[in-house]
């Protein structure tokens, strides 16, 4: 089973940042690099960040 390592506040911020970057990319206000917002969106949605795992970091109390 995958260990969750992204806490609730961290998740909310990641999801908001991801959605904002994607919205800016779709509207043409920033370049296609804005689609990297998919990464924080997905890591926030699944509450697991591979980089956190790599470095042994966690923002969750679970």
PDB file of N, CA and C in Angstrom:
ATOM      1  N   UNK A   1       0.839  -1.186   0.000  1.00  0.00           N
ATOM      2  CA  UNK A   1       0.000   0.000   0.000  1.00  0.00           C
ATOM      3  C   UNK A   1       0.881   1.246   0.000  1.00  0.00           C
ATOM      4  N   UNK A   2       0.471   2.233  -0.750  1.00  0.00           N
ATOM      5  CA  UNK A   2       1.224   3.478  -0.846  1.00  0.00           C
ATOM      6  C   UNK A   2       1.008   4.315   0.406  1.00  0.00           C
ATOM      7  N   UNK A   3       2.098   4.787   0.976  1.00  0.00           N
ATOM      8  CA  UNK A   3       1.997   5.657   2.150  1.00  0.00           C
ATOM      9  C   UNK A   3       1.733   7.085   1.722  1.00  0.00           C
ATOM     10  N   UNK A   4       0.709   7.674   2.294  1.00  0.00           N
ATOM     11  CA  UNK A   4       0.382   9.065   1.999  1.00  0.00           C
ATOM     12  C   UNK A   4       1.362   9.961   2.733  1.00  0.00           C
ATOM     13  N   UNK A   5       1.835  11.006   2.055  1.00  0.00           N
ATOM     14  CA  UNK A   5       2.800  11.893   2.683  1.00  0.00           C
ATOM     15  C   UNK A   5       2.505  13.372   2.454  1.00  0.00           C
ATOM     16  N   UNK A   6       1.304  13.679   1.977  1.00  0.00           N
ATOM     17  CA  UNK A   6       0.915  15.065   1.732  1.00  0.00           C
ATOM     18  C   UNK A   6      -0.295  15.377   2.609  1.00  0.00           C
ATOM     19  N   UNK A   7      -0.132  16.326   3.528  1.00  0.00           N
ATOM     20  CA  UNK A   7      -1.196  16.696   4.464  1.00  0.00           C
ATOM     21  C   UNK A   7      -2.289  17.531   3.807  1.00  0.00           C
ATOM     22  N   UNK A   8      -3.348  17.795   4.560  1.00  0.00           N
ATOM     23  CA  UNK A   8      -4.519  18.474   4.025  1.00  0.00           C
ATOM     24  C   UNK A   8      -4.239  19.875   3.500  1.00  0.00           C
ATOM     25  N   UNK A   9      -3.520  20.692   4.267  1.00  0.00           N
ATOM     26  CA  UNK A   9      -3.210  22.050   3.808  1.00  0.00           C
ATOM     27  C   UNK A   9      -2.315  21.996   2.575  1.00  0.00           C
ATOM     28  N   UNK A  10      -1.326  21.136   2.605  1.00  0.00           N
ATOM     29  CA  UNK A  10      -0.422  20.943   1.474  1.00  0.00           C
ATOM     30  C   UNK A  10      -1.218  20.515   0.240  1.00  0.00           C
ATOM     31  N   UNK A  11      -2.151  19.589   0.428  1.00  0.00           N
ATOM     32  CA  UNK A  11      -2.993  19.103  -0.682  1.00  0.00           C
ATOM     33  C   UNK A  11      -3.797  20.242  -1.280  1.00  0.00           C
ATOM     34  N   UNK A  12      -4.439  21.042  -0.427  1.00  0.00           N
ATOM     35  CA  UNK A  12      -5.274  22.145  -0.902  1.00  0.00           C
ATOM     36  C   UNK A  12      -4.443  23.146  -1.703  1.00  0.00           C
ATOM     37  N   UNK A  13      -3.259  23.478  -1.202  1.00  0.00           N
ATOM     38  CA  UNK A  13      -2.397  24.431  -1.900  1.00  0.00           C
ATOM     39  C   UNK A  13      -1.916  23.876  -3.242  1.00  0.00           C
ATOM     40  N   UNK A  14      -1.572  22.605  -3.266  1.00  0.00           N
ATOM     41  CA  UNK A  14      -1.124  21.972  -4.514  1.00  0.00           C
ATOM     42  C   UNK A  14      -2.245  21.977  -5.558  1.00  0.00           C
ATOM     43  N   UNK A  15      -3.446  21.626  -5.116  1.00  0.00           N
ATOM     44  CA  UNK A  15      -4.579  21.578  -6.041  1.00  0.00           C
ATOM     45  C   UNK A  15      -4.884  22.970  -6.583  1.00  0.00           C
ATOM     46  N   UNK A  16      -4.914  23.981  -5.709  1.00  0.00           N
ATOM     47  CA  UNK A  16      -5.177  25.349  -6.160  1.00  0.00           C
ATOM     48  C   UNK A  16      -4.093  25.848  -7.119  1.00  0.00           C
ATOM     49  N   UNK A  17      -2.838  25.596  -6.787  1.00  0.00           N
ATOM     50  CA  UNK A  17      -1.736  26.004  -7.652  1.00  0.00           C
ATOM     51  C   UNK A  17      -1.824  25.311  -9.007  1.00  0.00           C
ATOM     52  N   UNK A  18      -2.078  24.015  -8.986  1.00  0.00           N
ATOM     53  CA  UNK A  18      -2.189  23.254 -10.232  1.00  0.00           C
ATOM     54  C   UNK A  18      -3.311  23.771 -11.112  1.00  0.00           C
ATOM     55  N   UNK A  19      -4.477  23.995 -10.516  1.00  0.00           N
ATOM     56  CA  UNK A  19      -5.613  24.506 -11.287  1.00  0.00           C
ATOM     57  C   UNK A  19      -5.337  25.901 -11.842  1.00  0.00           C
ATOM     58  N   UNK A  20      -4.697  26.740 -11.031  1.00  0.00           N
ATOM     59  CA  UNK A  20      -4.379  28.102 -11.484  1.00  0.00           C
ATOM     60  C   UNK A  20      -3.405  28.076 -12.669  1.00  0.00           C
ATOM     61  N   UNK A  21      -2.356  27.267 -12.573  1.00  0.00           N
ATOM     62  CA  UNK A  21      -1.389  27.181 -13.672  1.00  0.00           C
ATOM     63  C   UNK A  21      -2.039  26.653 -14.955  1.00  0.00           C
ATOM     64  N   UNK A  22      -2.874  25.633 -14.818  1.00  0.00           N
ATOM     65  CA  UNK A  22      -3.543  25.072 -15.991  1.00  0.00           C
ATOM     66  C   UNK A  22      -4.501  26.091 -16.595  1.00  0.00           C
ATOM     67  N   UNK A  23      -5.242  26.799 -15.760  1.00  0.00           N
ATOM     68  CA  UNK A  23      -6.174  27.827 -16.256  1.00  0.00           C
ATOM     69  C   UNK A  23      -5.432  28.937 -16.988  1.00  0.00           C
ATOM     70  N   UNK A  24      -4.293  29.353 -16.456  1.00  0.00           N
ATOM     71  CA  UNK A  24      -3.500  30.397 -17.118  1.00  0.00           C
ATOM     72  C   UNK A  24      -2.951  29.907 -18.452  1.00  0.00           C
ATOM     73  N   UNK A  25      -2.569  28.648 -18.520  1.00  0.00           N
ATOM     74  CA  UNK A  25      -2.061  28.079 -19.774  1.00  0.00           C
ATOM     75  C   UNK A  25      -3.179  27.974 -20.800  1.00  0.00           C
ATOM     76  N   UNK A  26      -4.348  27.513 -20.373  1.00  0.00           N
ATOM     77  CA  UNK A  26      -5.488  27.365 -21.291  1.00  0.00           C
ATOM     78  C   UNK A  26      -5.924  28.723 -21.833  1.00  0.00           C
ATOM     79  N   UNK A  27      -5.900  29.750 -20.985  1.00  0.00           N
ATOM     80  CA  UNK A  27      -6.339  31.086 -21.409  1.00  0.00           C
ATOM     81  C   UNK A  27      -5.274  31.815 -22.226  1.00  0.00           C
ATOM     82  N   UNK A  28      -4.082  31.250 -22.336  1.00  0.00           N
ATOM     83  CA  UNK A  28      -3.025  31.854 -23.133  1.00  0.00           C
ATOM     84  C   UNK A  28      -2.243  32.929 -22.414  1.00  0.00           C
ATOM     85  N   UNK A  29      -2.468  33.098 -21.128  1.00  0.00           N
ATOM     86  CA  UNK A  29      -1.767  34.146 -20.380  1.00  0.00           C
ATOM     87  C   UNK A  29      -0.326  33.768 -20.068  1.00  0.00           C
ATOM     88  N   UNK A  30      -0.069  32.485 -19.971  1.00  0.00           N
ATOM     89  CA  UNK A  30       1.304  32.006 -19.834  1.00  0.00           C
ATOM     90  C   UNK A  30       1.501  30.932 -20.888  1.00  0.00           C
ATOM     91  N   UNK A  31       2.701  30.585 -21.140  1.00  0.00           N
ATOM     92  CA  UNK A  31       2.984  29.602 -22.189  1.00  0.00           C
ATOM     93  C   UNK A  31       2.539  28.201 -21.809  1.00  0.00           C
ATOM     94  N   UNK A  32       2.887  27.283 -22.678  1.00  0.00           N
ATOM     95  CA  UNK A  32       2.500  25.891 -22.459  1.00  0.00           C
ATOM     96  C   UNK A  32       3.154  25.298 -21.218  1.00  0.00           C
ATOM     97  N   UNK A  33       4.200  25.932 -20.700  1.00  0.00           N
ATOM     98  CA  UNK A  33       4.834  25.434 -19.487  1.00  0.00           C
ATOM     99  C   UNK A  33       3.846  25.426 -18.327  1.00  0.00           C
ATOM    100  N   UNK A  34       2.762  26.183 -18.419  1.00  0.00           N
ATOM    101  CA  UNK A  34       1.752  26.208 -17.368  1.00  0.00           C
ATOM    102  C   UNK A  34       1.092  24.865 -17.151  1.00  0.00           C
ATOM    103  N   UNK A  35       1.202  24.001 -18.150  1.00  0.00           N
ATOM    104  CA  UNK A  35       0.619  22.669 -18.008  1.00  0.00           C
ATOM    105  C   UNK A  35       1.383  21.794 -17.020  1.00  0.00           C
ATOM    106  N   UNK A  36       2.524  22.270 -16.534  1.00  0.00           N
ATOM    107  CA  UNK A  36       3.197  21.537 -15.459  1.00  0.00           C
ATOM    108  C   UNK A  36       2.329  21.569 -14.200  1.00  0.00           C
ATOM    109  N   UNK A  37       1.288  22.383 -14.211  1.00  0.00           N
ATOM    110  CA  UNK A  37       0.332  22.413 -13.109  1.00  0.00           C
ATOM    111  C   UNK A  37      -0.339  21.070 -12.899  1.00  0.00           C
ATOM    112  N   UNK A  38      -0.218  20.197 -13.873  1.00  0.00           N
ATOM    113  CA  UNK A  38      -0.775  18.853 -13.739  1.00  0.00           C
ATOM    114  C   UNK A  38      -0.068  18.110 -12.606  1.00  0.00           C
ATOM    115  N   UNK A  39       1.218  18.367 -12.425  1.00  0.00           N
ATOM    116  CA  UNK A  39       1.990  17.661 -11.395  1.00  0.00           C
ATOM    117  C   UNK A  39       1.478  17.984  -9.990  1.00  0.00           C
ATOM    118  N   UNK A  40       1.410  19.273  -9.589  1.00  0.00           N
ATOM    119  CA  UNK A  40       0.890  19.530  -8.243  1.00  0.00           C
ATOM    120  C   UNK A  40      -0.582  19.137  -8.104  1.00  0.00           C
ATOM    121  N   UNK A  41      -1.340  19.253  -9.185  1.00  0.00           N
ATOM    122  CA  UNK A  41      -2.742  18.845  -9.137  1.00  0.00           C
ATOM    123  C   UNK A  41      -2.865  17.353  -8.819  1.00  0.00           C
ATOM    124  N   UNK A  42      -2.106  16.534  -9.507  1.00  0.00           N
ATOM    125  CA  UNK A  42      -2.171  15.089  -9.281  1.00  0.00           C
ATOM    126  C   UNK A  42      -1.608  14.686  -7.919  1.00  0.00           C
ATOM    127  N   UNK A  43      -0.483  15.270  -7.526  1.00  0.00           N
ATOM    128  CA  UNK A  43       0.088  14.901  -6.230  1.00  0.00           C
ATOM    129  C   UNK A  43      -0.825  15.345  -5.089  1.00  0.00           C
ATOM    130  N   UNK A  44      -1.513  16.459  -5.279  1.00  0.00           N
ATOM    131  CA  UNK A  44      -2.484  16.886  -4.270  1.00  0.00           C
ATOM    132  C   UNK A  44      -3.705  15.987  -4.248  1.00  0.00           C
ATOM    133  N   UNK A  45      -4.151  15.554  -5.408  1.00  0.00           N
ATOM    134  CA  UNK A  45      -5.338  14.704  -5.496  1.00  0.00           C
ATOM    135  C   UNK A  45      -5.113  13.334  -4.866  1.00  0.00           C
ATOM    136  N   UNK A  46      -3.925  12.780  -5.045  1.00  0.00           N
ATOM    137  CA  UNK A  46      -3.661  11.435  -4.509  1.00  0.00           C
ATOM    138  C   UNK A  46      -2.951  11.464  -3.154  1.00  0.00           C
ATOM    139  N   UNK A  47      -2.586  12.645  -2.674  1.00  0.00           N
ATOM    140  CA  UNK A  47      -1.946  12.836  -1.360  1.00  0.00           C
ATOM    141  C   UNK A  47      -0.622  12.091  -1.228  1.00  0.00           C
ATOM    142  N   UNK A  48       0.089  11.948  -2.338  1.00  0.00           N
ATOM    143  CA  UNK A  48       1.384  11.279  -2.308  1.00  0.00           C
ATOM    144  C   UNK A  48       2.325  11.991  -3.265  1.00  0.00           C
ATOM    145  N   UNK A  49       3.475  12.371  -2.746  1.00  0.00           N
ATOM    146  CA  UNK A  49       4.476  13.062  -3.552  1.00  0.00           C
ATOM    147  C   UNK A  49       5.735  12.203  -3.612  1.00  0.00           C
ATOM    148  N   UNK A  50       6.146  11.803  -4.815  1.00  0.00           N
ATOM    149  CA  UNK A  50       7.351  10.982  -4.941  1.00  0.00           C
ATOM    150  C   UNK A  50       8.616  11.663  -4.405  1.00  0.00           C
ATOM    151  N   UNK A  51       8.734  12.968  -4.570  1.00  0.00           N
ATOM    152  CA  UNK A  51       9.919  13.659  -4.047  1.00  0.00           C
ATOM    153  C   UNK A  51       9.936  13.659  -2.525  1.00  0.00           C
ATOM    154  N   UNK A  52       8.769  13.829  -1.909  1.00  0.00           N
ATOM    155  CA  UNK A  52       8.703  13.744  -0.449  1.00  0.00           C
ATOM    156  C   UNK A  52       9.176  12.371  -0.002  1.00  0.00           C
ATOM    157  N   UNK A  53       8.735  11.340  -0.706  1.00  0.00           N
ATOM    158  CA  UNK A  53       9.119   9.965  -0.344  1.00  0.00           C
ATOM    159  C   UNK A  53      10.626   9.784  -0.502  1.00  0.00           C
ATOM    160  N   UNK A  54      11.180  10.290  -1.589  1.00  0.00           N
ATOM    161  CA  UNK A  54      12.603  10.161  -1.853  1.00  0.00           C
ATOM    162  C   UNK A  54      13.443  10.762  -0.731  1.00  0.00           C
ATOM    163  N   UNK A  55      12.992  11.918  -0.223  1.00  0.00           N
ATOM    164  CA  UNK A  55      13.750  12.608   0.812  1.00  0.00           C
ATOM    165  C   UNK A  55      13.254  12.302   2.230  1.00  0.00           C
ATOM    166  N   UNK A  56      12.279  11.406   2.363  1.00  0.00           N
ATOM    167  CA  UNK A  56      11.775  11.024   3.680  1.00  0.00           C
ATOM    168  C   UNK A  56      11.005  12.117   4.374  1.00  0.00           C
ATOM    169  N   UNK A  57      10.340  12.963   3.616  1.00  0.00           N
ATOM    170  CA  UNK A  57       9.616  14.109   4.146  1.00  0.00           C
ATOM    171  C   UNK A  57       8.127  13.831   4.120  1.00  0.00           C
ATOM    172  N   UNK A  58       7.373  14.405   5.062  1.00  0.00           N
ATOM    173  CA  UNK A  58       5.927  14.224   5.089  1.00  0.00           C
ATOM    174  C   UNK A  58       5.279  15.442   5.740  1.00  0.00           C
ATOM    175  N   UNK A  59       4.116  15.838   5.230  1.00  0.00           N
ATOM    176  CA  UNK A  59       3.364  16.935   5.842  1.00  0.00           C
ATOM    177  C   UNK A  59       2.053  16.435   6.429  1.00  0.00           C
ATOM    178  N   UNK A  60       1.918  15.137   6.511  1.00  0.00           N
ATOM    179  CA  UNK A  60       0.697  14.564   7.065  1.00  0.00           C
ATOM    180  C   UNK A  60       0.962  13.954   8.446  1.00  0.00           C
ATOM    181  N   UNK A  61      -0.087  13.895   9.238  1.00  0.00           N
ATOM    182  CA  UNK A  61       0.038  13.275  10.561  1.00  0.00           C
ATOM    183  C   UNK A  61      -0.404  11.823  10.528  1.00  0.00           C
ATOM    184  N   UNK A  62      -0.791  11.317   9.368  1.00  0.00           N
ATOM    185  CA  UNK A  62      -1.287   9.942   9.225  1.00  0.00           C
ATOM    186  C   UNK A  62      -0.165   8.941   9.370  1.00  0.00           C
TER     187      UNK A  62
END
